């Protein structure tokens, strides 16, 4: 019942508004006012008022759906963040308990993690000294004789850039102090 009343009121308000505006316009222009001259503006105004009301209701419904979707997405982000945090804690525990020096890189060759053993082997004190750094330049920039190791020739760079597998037991990784 209330829904029909609001539609009716919207129609009547639009009809009244356009009817009054039409009357002022016609009297300003000096057009004679007849009963028939009100029908089109009143119908058009009523339909416009009704359409505006329907659009307003649809907009309110869309905002409500968007708000609910946003709340749902925020919950998902919190859940995924918690799961990622737990996963990172597990990774940190595994890395800390490993005696071998381990570090990881992204596809650009930038360090994403390094355990304590890797830091010690490479002469670094803190993870922050390696995290985000280009590992070729940090630890693999030169051959054993000190000559520059071009990245294009570097099997480590090809491994992280192109996903190629390489096994080498004669490569040299340089420490922070270049020893």
C-alpha atoms as a PDB file:
ATOM      1  CA  UNK A   1       0.000   0.000   0.000  1.00  0.00           C
ATOM      2  CA  UNK A   2       2.771   2.456   0.921  1.00  0.00           C
ATOM      3  CA  UNK A   3       4.662   1.608  -2.276  1.00  0.00           C
ATOM      4  CA  UNK A   4       1.634   2.496  -4.429  1.00  0.00           C
ATOM      5  CA  UNK A   5       1.135   5.710  -2.467  1.00  0.00           C
ATOM      6  CA  UNK A   6       4.719   6.833  -3.108  1.00  0.00           C
ATOM      7  CA  UNK A   7       4.343   6.114  -6.832  1.00  0.00           C
ATOM      8  CA  UNK A   8       1.082   8.073  -6.882  1.00  0.00           C
ATOM      9  CA  UNK A   9       2.640  10.982  -4.986  1.00  0.00           C
ATOM     10  CA  UNK A  10       5.604  11.015  -7.365  1.00  0.00           C
ATOM     11  CA  UNK A  11       3.254  11.092 -10.344  1.00  0.00           C
ATOM     12  CA  UNK A  12       1.140  13.869  -8.814  1.00  0.00           C
ATOM     13  CA  UNK A  13       4.172  15.948  -7.804  1.00  0.00           C
ATOM     14  CA  UNK A  14       5.646  15.708 -11.313  1.00  0.00           C
ATOM     15  CA  UNK A  15       2.297  16.537 -12.884  1.00  0.00           C
ATOM     16  CA  UNK A  16       1.767  19.510 -10.574  1.00  0.00           C
ATOM     17  CA  UNK A  17       5.271  20.836 -11.086  1.00  0.00           C
ATOM     18  CA  UNK A  18       5.181  20.635 -14.871  1.00  0.00           C
ATOM     19  CA  UNK A  19       1.593  21.890 -14.950  1.00  0.00           C
ATOM     20  CA  UNK A  20       2.531  24.992 -12.944  1.00  0.00           C
ATOM     21  CA  UNK A  21       5.659  25.607 -15.026  1.00  0.00           C
ATOM     22  CA  UNK A  22       3.631  25.209 -18.208  1.00  0.00           C
ATOM     23  CA  UNK A  23       1.072  27.704 -16.918  1.00  0.00           C
ATOM     24  CA  UNK A  24       3.760  30.295 -16.134  1.00  0.00           C
ATOM     25  CA  UNK A  25       5.387  29.742 -19.522  1.00  0.00           C
ATOM     26  CA  UNK A  26       2.118  30.090 -21.441  1.00  0.00           C
ATOM     27  CA  UNK A  27       1.031  33.170 -19.511  1.00  0.00           C
ATOM     28  CA  UNK A  28       4.496  34.739 -20.039  1.00  0.00           C
ATOM     29  CA  UNK A  29       4.295  34.064 -23.789  1.00  0.00           C
ATOM     30  CA  UNK A  30       0.722  35.228 -23.936  1.00  0.00           C
ATOM     31  CA  UNK A  31      -0.671  31.856 -25.068  1.00  0.00           C
ATOM     32  CA  UNK A  32      -4.346  31.395 -24.162  1.00  0.00           C
ATOM     33  CA  UNK A  33      -4.918  28.869 -21.360  1.00  0.00           C
ATOM     34  CA  UNK A  34      -7.424  26.103 -22.144  1.00  0.00           C
ATOM     35  CA  UNK A  35      -8.203  22.839 -20.424  1.00  0.00           C
ATOM     36  CA  UNK A  36      -6.658  20.863 -23.281  1.00  0.00           C
ATOM     37  CA  UNK A  37      -3.383  22.784 -23.030  1.00  0.00           C
ATOM     38  CA  UNK A  38      -2.778  21.217 -19.592  1.00  0.00           C
ATOM     39  CA  UNK A  39      -3.199  17.549 -20.531  1.00  0.00           C
ATOM     40  CA  UNK A  40       0.192  16.971 -22.190  1.00  0.00           C
ATOM     41  CA  UNK A  41       2.282  18.830 -19.575  1.00  0.00           C
ATOM     42  CA  UNK A  42       0.429  17.141 -16.718  1.00  0.00           C
ATOM     43  CA  UNK A  43       0.804  13.647 -18.218  1.00  0.00           C
ATOM     44  CA  UNK A  44       4.412  14.283 -19.182  1.00  0.00           C
ATOM     45  CA  UNK A  45       5.160  15.741 -15.741  1.00  0.00           C
ATOM     46  CA  UNK A  46       3.451  12.849 -13.984  1.00  0.00           C
ATOM     47  CA  UNK A  47       5.284  10.223 -16.008  1.00  0.00           C
ATOM     48  CA  UNK A  48       8.576  12.095 -15.492  1.00  0.00           C
ATOM     49  CA  UNK A  49       7.972  12.231 -11.729  1.00  0.00           C
ATOM     50  CA  UNK A  50       7.155   8.527 -11.708  1.00  0.00           C
ATOM     51  CA  UNK A  51      10.274   7.655 -13.731  1.00  0.00           C
ATOM     52  CA  UNK A  52      12.472   9.797 -11.474  1.00  0.00           C
ATOM     53  CA  UNK A  53      11.050   8.018  -8.438  1.00  0.00           C
ATOM     54  CA  UNK A  54      11.701   4.606  -9.986  1.00  0.00           C
ATOM     55  CA  UNK A  55      15.254   5.633 -10.890  1.00  0.00           C
ATOM     56  CA  UNK A  56      15.815   6.892  -7.340  1.00  0.00           C
ATOM     57  CA  UNK A  57      14.601   3.571  -5.920  1.00  0.00           C
ATOM     58  CA  UNK A  58      16.844   1.619  -8.296  1.00  0.00           C
ATOM     59  CA  UNK A  59      19.807   3.788  -7.327  1.00  0.00           C
ATOM     60  CA  UNK A  60      19.132   3.161  -3.638  1.00  0.00           C
ATOM     61  CA  UNK A  61      18.884  -0.587  -4.294  1.00  0.00           C
ATOM     62  CA  UNK A  62      22.152  -0.541  -6.293  1.00  0.00           C
ATOM     63  CA  UNK A  63      23.897   1.375  -3.492  1.00  0.00           C
ATOM     64  CA  UNK A  64      22.641  -1.160  -0.965  1.00  0.00           C
ATOM     65  CA  UNK A  65      23.880  -4.089  -3.090  1.00  0.00           C
ATOM     66  CA  UNK A  66      27.208  -2.355  -3.588  1.00  0.00           C
ATOM     67  CA  UNK A  67      27.546  -1.761   0.154  1.00  0.00           C
ATOM     68  CA  UNK A  68      26.846  -5.449   0.843  1.00  0.00           C
ATOM     69  CA  UNK A  69      29.329  -6.556  -1.824  1.00  0.00           C
ATOM     70  CA  UNK A  70      31.925  -4.194  -0.394  1.00  0.00           C
ATOM     71  CA  UNK A  71      31.404  -5.636   3.106  1.00  0.00           C
ATOM     72  CA  UNK A  72      31.735  -9.153   1.688  1.00  0.00           C
ATOM     73  CA  UNK A  73      34.943  -8.258  -0.150  1.00  0.00           C
ATOM     74  CA  UNK A  74      36.375  -6.652   2.985  1.00  0.00           C
ATOM     75  CA  UNK A  75      35.687  -9.879   4.893  1.00  0.00           C
ATOM     76  CA  UNK A  76      37.407 -11.905   2.158  1.00  0.00           C
ATOM     77  CA  UNK A  77      40.423  -9.585   2.227  1.00  0.00           C
ATOM     78  CA  UNK A  78      40.668  -9.957   6.007  1.00  0.00           C
ATOM     79  CA  UNK A  79      40.433 -13.755   5.748  1.00  0.00           C
ATOM     80  CA  UNK A  80      43.022 -13.934   2.963  1.00  0.00           C
ATOM     81  CA  UNK A  81      45.317 -11.533   4.806  1.00  0.00           C
ATOM     82  CA  UNK A  82      45.097 -13.724   7.904  1.00  0.00           C
ATOM     83  CA  UNK A  83      45.813 -16.859   5.845  1.00  0.00           C
ATOM     84  CA  UNK A  84      48.758 -15.139   4.147  1.00  0.00           C
ATOM     85  CA  UNK A  85      50.102 -14.016   7.493  1.00  0.00           C
ATOM     86  CA  UNK A  86      49.898 -17.571   8.831  1.00  0.00           C
ATOM     87  CA  UNK A  87      51.575 -18.865   5.665  1.00  0.00           C
ATOM     88  CA  UNK A  88      54.369 -16.304   6.018  1.00  0.00           C
ATOM     89  CA  UNK A  89      54.867 -17.315   9.650  1.00  0.00           C
ATOM     90  CA  UNK A  90      55.188 -20.961   8.566  1.00  0.00           C
ATOM     91  CA  UNK A  91      57.662 -20.005   5.832  1.00  0.00           C
ATOM     92  CA  UNK A  92      59.686 -17.933   8.318  1.00  0.00           C
ATOM     93  CA  UNK A  93      59.818 -20.885  10.727  1.00  0.00           C
ATOM     94  CA  UNK A  94      60.948 -23.247   7.959  1.00  0.00           C
ATOM     95  CA  UNK A  95      63.596 -20.829   6.709  1.00  0.00           C
ATOM     96  CA  UNK A  96      64.866 -20.179  10.232  1.00  0.00           C
ATOM     97  CA  UNK A  97      65.166 -23.877  10.981  1.00  0.00           C
ATOM     98  CA  UNK A  98      67.149 -24.631   7.805  1.00  0.00           C
ATOM     99  CA  UNK A  99      70.939 -24.603   8.076  1.00  0.00           C
ATOM    100  CA  UNK A 100      71.393 -24.107   4.342  1.00  0.00           C
ATOM    101  CA  UNK A 101      71.484 -20.597   2.934  1.00  0.00           C
ATOM    102  CA  UNK A 102      68.228 -19.966   1.081  1.00  0.00           C
ATOM    103  CA  UNK A 103      66.994 -16.887  -0.749  1.00  0.00           C
ATOM    104  CA  UNK A 104      64.236 -16.335  -3.257  1.00  0.00           C
ATOM    105  CA  UNK A 105      63.793 -13.932  -6.134  1.00  0.00           C
ATOM    106  CA  UNK A 106      60.903 -12.700  -8.236  1.00  0.00           C
ATOM    107  CA  UNK A 107      60.881 -12.759 -12.059  1.00  0.00           C
ATOM    108  CA  UNK A 108      62.899  -9.528 -12.100  1.00  0.00           C
ATOM    109  CA  UNK A 109      65.642 -11.081  -9.979  1.00  0.00           C
ATOM    110  CA  UNK A 110      64.811  -9.025  -6.886  1.00  0.00           C
ATOM    111  CA  UNK A 111      65.178 -10.728  -3.513  1.00  0.00           C
ATOM    112  CA  UNK A 112      61.862 -11.688  -1.910  1.00  0.00           C
ATOM    113  CA  UNK A 113      63.202 -13.611   1.101  1.00  0.00           C
ATOM    114  CA  UNK A 114      66.459 -14.750   2.647  1.00  0.00           C
ATOM    115  CA  UNK A 115      67.093 -16.869   5.720  1.00  0.00           C
ATOM    116  CA  UNK A 116      69.669 -16.188   8.414  1.00  0.00           C
ATOM    117  CA  UNK A 117      72.123 -18.735   6.955  1.00  0.00           C
ATOM    118  CA  UNK A 118      72.033 -16.982   3.549  1.00  0.00           C
ATOM    119  CA  UNK A 119      72.625 -13.609   5.182  1.00  0.00           C
ATOM    120  CA  UNK A 120      75.615 -14.962   7.093  1.00  0.00           C
ATOM    121  CA  UNK A 121      77.099 -16.708   4.040  1.00  0.00           C
ATOM    122  CA  UNK A 122      76.767 -13.569   1.943  1.00  0.00           C
ATOM    123  CA  UNK A 123      78.005 -11.208   4.663  1.00  0.00           C
ATOM    124  CA  UNK A 124      74.776  -9.316   5.319  1.00  0.00           C
ATOM    125  CA  UNK A 125      73.491  -8.435   8.768  1.00  0.00           C
ATOM    126  CA  UNK A 126      69.815  -7.748   8.045  1.00  0.00           C
ATOM    127  CA  UNK A 127      67.239  -9.033   5.569  1.00  0.00           C
ATOM    128  CA  UNK A 128      66.490  -5.431   4.633  1.00  0.00           C
ATOM    129  CA  UNK A 129      69.928  -5.226   3.034  1.00  0.00           C
ATOM    130  CA  UNK A 130      68.836  -7.817   0.444  1.00  0.00           C
ATOM    131  CA  UNK A 131      65.038  -7.646   0.237  1.00  0.00           C
ATOM    132  CA  UNK A 132      63.932  -5.911  -2.957  1.00  0.00           C
ATOM    133  CA  UNK A 133      67.500  -5.726  -4.285  1.00  0.00           C
ATOM    134  CA  UNK A 134      68.564  -7.056  -7.680  1.00  0.00           C
ATOM    135  CA  UNK A 135      70.440 -10.229  -6.756  1.00  0.00           C
ATOM    136  CA  UNK A 136      72.623 -10.361  -9.877  1.00  0.00           C
ATOM    137  CA  UNK A 137      74.188  -7.053  -8.880  1.00  0.00           C
ATOM    138  CA  UNK A 138      74.402  -8.040  -5.208  1.00  0.00           C
ATOM    139  CA  UNK A 139      75.961 -11.510  -5.419  1.00  0.00           C
ATOM    140  CA  UNK A 140      76.693 -12.568  -9.001  1.00  0.00           C
ATOM    141  CA  UNK A 141      78.034  -9.490 -10.780  1.00  0.00           C
ATOM    142  CA  UNK A 142      81.532 -10.811 -11.604  1.00  0.00           C
ATOM    143  CA  UNK A 143      83.357 -13.983 -12.644  1.00  0.00           C
ATOM    144  CA  UNK A 144      85.978 -15.573 -10.362  1.00  0.00           C
ATOM    145  CA  UNK A 145      88.690 -13.492 -12.049  1.00  0.00           C
ATOM    146  CA  UNK A 146      86.778 -10.290 -11.220  1.00  0.00           C
ATOM    147  CA  UNK A 147      85.662  -9.567 -14.793  1.00  0.00           C
ATOM    148  CA  UNK A 148      82.102  -8.306 -15.217  1.00  0.00           C
ATOM    149  CA  UNK A 149      79.438 -11.025 -15.503  1.00  0.00           C
ATOM    150  CA  UNK A 150      76.973  -9.787 -18.103  1.00  0.00           C
ATOM    151  CA  UNK A 151      73.405 -10.487 -17.091  1.00  0.00           C
ATOM    152  CA  UNK A 152      72.600 -11.977 -20.514  1.00  0.00           C
ATOM    153  CA  UNK A 153      75.260 -14.654 -19.909  1.00  0.00           C
ATOM    154  CA  UNK A 154      74.268 -15.274 -16.300  1.00  0.00           C
ATOM    155  CA  UNK A 155      72.510 -18.643 -15.835  1.00  0.00           C
ATOM    156  CA  UNK A 156      70.965 -17.430 -12.565  1.00  0.00           C
ATOM    157  CA  UNK A 157      69.400 -14.442 -14.335  1.00  0.00           C
ATOM    158  CA  UNK A 158      68.076 -16.692 -17.097  1.00  0.00           C
ATOM    159  CA  UNK A 159      66.615 -19.020 -14.462  1.00  0.00           C
ATOM    160  CA  UNK A 160      64.571 -16.327 -12.734  1.00  0.00           C
ATOM    161  CA  UNK A 161      63.769 -14.344 -15.874  1.00  0.00           C
ATOM    162  CA  UNK A 162      62.830 -17.180 -18.216  1.00  0.00           C
ATOM    163  CA  UNK A 163      62.213 -20.102 -15.885  1.00  0.00           C
ATOM    164  CA  UNK A 164      65.134 -22.088 -17.292  1.00  0.00           C
ATOM    165  CA  UNK A 165      66.605 -24.832 -15.130  1.00  0.00           C
ATOM    166  CA  UNK A 166      70.339 -24.718 -14.517  1.00  0.00           C
ATOM    167  CA  UNK A 167      72.587 -26.840 -12.339  1.00  0.00           C
ATOM    168  CA  UNK A 168      76.031 -25.485 -11.608  1.00  0.00           C
ATOM    169  CA  UNK A 169      78.604 -26.292  -8.981  1.00  0.00           C
ATOM    170  CA  UNK A 170      81.296 -23.902 -10.124  1.00  0.00           C
ATOM    171  CA  UNK A 171      79.558 -20.535  -9.897  1.00  0.00           C
ATOM    172  CA  UNK A 172      80.781 -17.927  -7.455  1.00  0.00           C
ATOM    173  CA  UNK A 173      78.466 -15.851  -5.314  1.00  0.00           C
ATOM    174  CA  UNK A 174      80.040 -12.657  -4.030  1.00  0.00           C
ATOM    175  CA  UNK A 175      79.753 -11.555  -0.441  1.00  0.00           C
ATOM    176  CA  UNK A 176      78.795  -8.030   0.548  1.00  0.00           C
ATOM    177  CA  UNK A 177      82.484  -7.117   1.063  1.00  0.00           C
ATOM    178  CA  UNK A 178      83.274  -8.534  -2.451  1.00  0.00           C
ATOM    179  CA  UNK A 179      85.218 -11.480  -1.023  1.00  0.00           C
END
